[in-house]
Amino acid sequence: MARRKTIEFAESAVVDLEDIRDWYADQQAPAVGKRLVGEVVAQTERLAEFPESGRIVPEFGLANLREIIYPPFRIVYRVDVVRIWIIRVWRSERLLKVPGSDD
């Protein structure tokens, strides 16, 4: 049986979640922002037992770089030996930029 992994949020993902919360607060809907941030975090909980349940990020094609699509967000994470790193939380229509590309 596979060992349960620890879930950690990288600073970049924490900043993304704070930005989401702040944006909704600026729109006079702080409760919506708080709810969405909570829902995003809840979506990551399954990764402790099912780390490969998200799809491989198409822009990179790396087996250990995956994402959960939770409209309107993309929750991008990296699978390591003992931990899951939540890397970014972005709007789902946003494409990741591949390093070294000129796009």
Protein backbone atom coordinates (compact mmCIF):
# COMPACT_ATOMS: atom_id res chain seq x y z
CA MET A 1 0.00 0.00 0.00
CA ALA A 2 1.32 3.43 -0.94
CA ARG A 3 2.26 5.82 1.83
CA ARG A 4 0.00 8.84 2.38
CA LYS A 5 1.72 12.02 1.19
CA THR A 6 1.90 15.36 2.97
CA ILE A 7 0.35 18.34 1.18
CA GLU A 8 2.25 21.63 1.28
CA PHE A 9 1.49 24.98 -0.33
CA ALA A 10 4.38 26.79 -1.99
CA GLU A 11 4.61 30.53 -1.34
CA SER A 12 3.48 31.17 -4.93
CA ALA A 13 0.23 29.24 -4.32
CA VAL A 14 -0.38 31.04 -1.02
CA VAL A 15 0.03 34.38 -2.81
CA ASP A 16 -2.39 33.20 -5.52
CA LEU A 17 -4.99 32.30 -2.87
CA GLU A 18 -4.52 35.64 -1.12
CA ASP A 19 -4.94 37.42 -4.47
CA ILE A 20 -8.19 35.53 -5.12
CA ARG A 21 -9.50 36.44 -1.68
CA ASP A 22 -8.43 40.07 -2.08
CA TRP A 23 -9.97 40.40 -5.55
CA TYR A 24 -13.36 39.29 -4.29
CA ALA A 25 -13.03 41.61 -1.29
CA ASP A 26 -12.37 44.49 -3.72
CA GLN A 27 -15.54 43.47 -5.59
CA GLN A 28 -17.49 43.83 -2.33
CA ALA A 29 -17.92 40.03 -2.08
CA PRO A 30 -15.45 38.94 0.63
CA ALA A 31 -17.59 35.94 1.61
CA VAL A 32 -17.35 34.61 -1.95
CA GLY A 33 -13.57 34.93 -1.93
CA LYS A 34 -13.29 33.18 1.42
CA ARG A 35 -15.61 30.38 0.25
CA LEU A 36 -13.71 29.86 -3.02
CA VAL A 37 -10.33 29.73 -1.27
CA GLY A 38 -11.74 27.13 1.13
CA GLU A 39 -13.10 25.08 -1.76
CA VAL A 40 -9.77 25.20 -3.59
CA VAL A 41 -7.94 23.98 -0.48
CA ALA A 42 -10.55 21.23 -0.01
CA GLN A 43 -9.95 20.05 -3.60
CA THR A 44 -6.31 19.37 -2.75
CA GLU A 45 -7.05 17.08 0.20
CA ARG A 46 -7.62 13.99 -1.97
CA LEU A 47 -4.07 14.29 -3.28
CA ALA A 48 -2.65 12.91 -0.02
CA GLU A 49 -3.99 9.47 -0.97
CA PHE A 50 -4.45 9.88 -4.72
CA PRO A 51 -1.55 12.06 -5.92
CA GLU A 52 -1.96 11.11 -9.57
CA SER A 53 -5.68 11.87 -9.68
CA GLY A 54 -5.05 15.20 -11.42
CA ARG A 55 -4.18 15.33 -15.09
CA ILE A 56 -0.67 15.97 -16.38
CA VAL A 57 -0.26 19.69 -17.14
CA PRO A 58 -0.50 19.75 -20.96
CA GLU A 59 1.93 22.64 -21.40
CA PHE A 60 4.76 20.62 -19.83
CA GLY A 61 3.93 16.93 -20.27
CA LEU A 62 5.79 15.91 -17.07
CA ALA A 63 4.33 13.01 -15.08
CA ASN A 64 5.08 14.66 -11.74
CA LEU A 65 3.56 18.05 -12.67
CA ARG A 66 -0.21 17.77 -12.51
CA GLU A 67 -3.32 19.86 -12.10
CA ILE A 68 -6.82 19.73 -10.78
CA ILE A 69 -9.36 21.69 -12.77
CA TYR A 70 -11.85 23.25 -10.38
CA PRO A 71 -13.67 25.87 -12.44
CA PRO A 72 -12.75 28.62 -12.73
CA PHE A 73 -9.36 27.56 -11.33
CA ARG A 74 -6.38 25.39 -12.22
CA ILE A 75 -4.66 23.99 -9.14
CA VAL A 76 -1.15 23.09 -10.30
CA TYR A 77 0.89 20.73 -8.15
CA ARG A 78 4.11 18.71 -8.16
CA VAL A 79 4.30 15.14 -6.90
CA ASP A 80 7.46 14.38 -4.90
CA VAL A 81 8.43 11.20 -3.08
CA VAL A 82 6.75 12.04 0.24
CA ARG A 83 4.92 15.28 -0.46
CA ILE A 84 2.59 17.09 -2.80
CA TRP A 85 3.56 20.71 -3.47
CA ILE A 86 0.67 22.95 -4.49
CA ILE A 87 2.51 25.35 -6.79
CA ARG A 88 -0.06 27.71 -8.35
CA VAL A 89 -3.78 28.44 -8.35
CA TRP A 90 -4.79 30.23 -11.54
CA ARG A 91 -7.87 30.99 -13.57
CA SER A 92 -8.54 27.90 -15.68
CA GLU A 93 -8.38 29.74 -19.00
CA ARG A 94 -4.84 30.95 -18.29
CA LEU A 95 -2.08 28.99 -20.03
CA LEU A 96 1.19 28.26 -18.30
CA LYS A 97 4.24 29.59 -20.06
CA VAL A 98 6.89 27.04 -20.84
CA PRO A 99 10.32 28.36 -19.78
CA GLY A 100 12.43 29.35 -22.77
CA SER A 101 9.47 29.82 -25.11
CA ASP A 102 8.99 33.17 -26.82
CA ASP A 103 5.17 33.08 -26.70
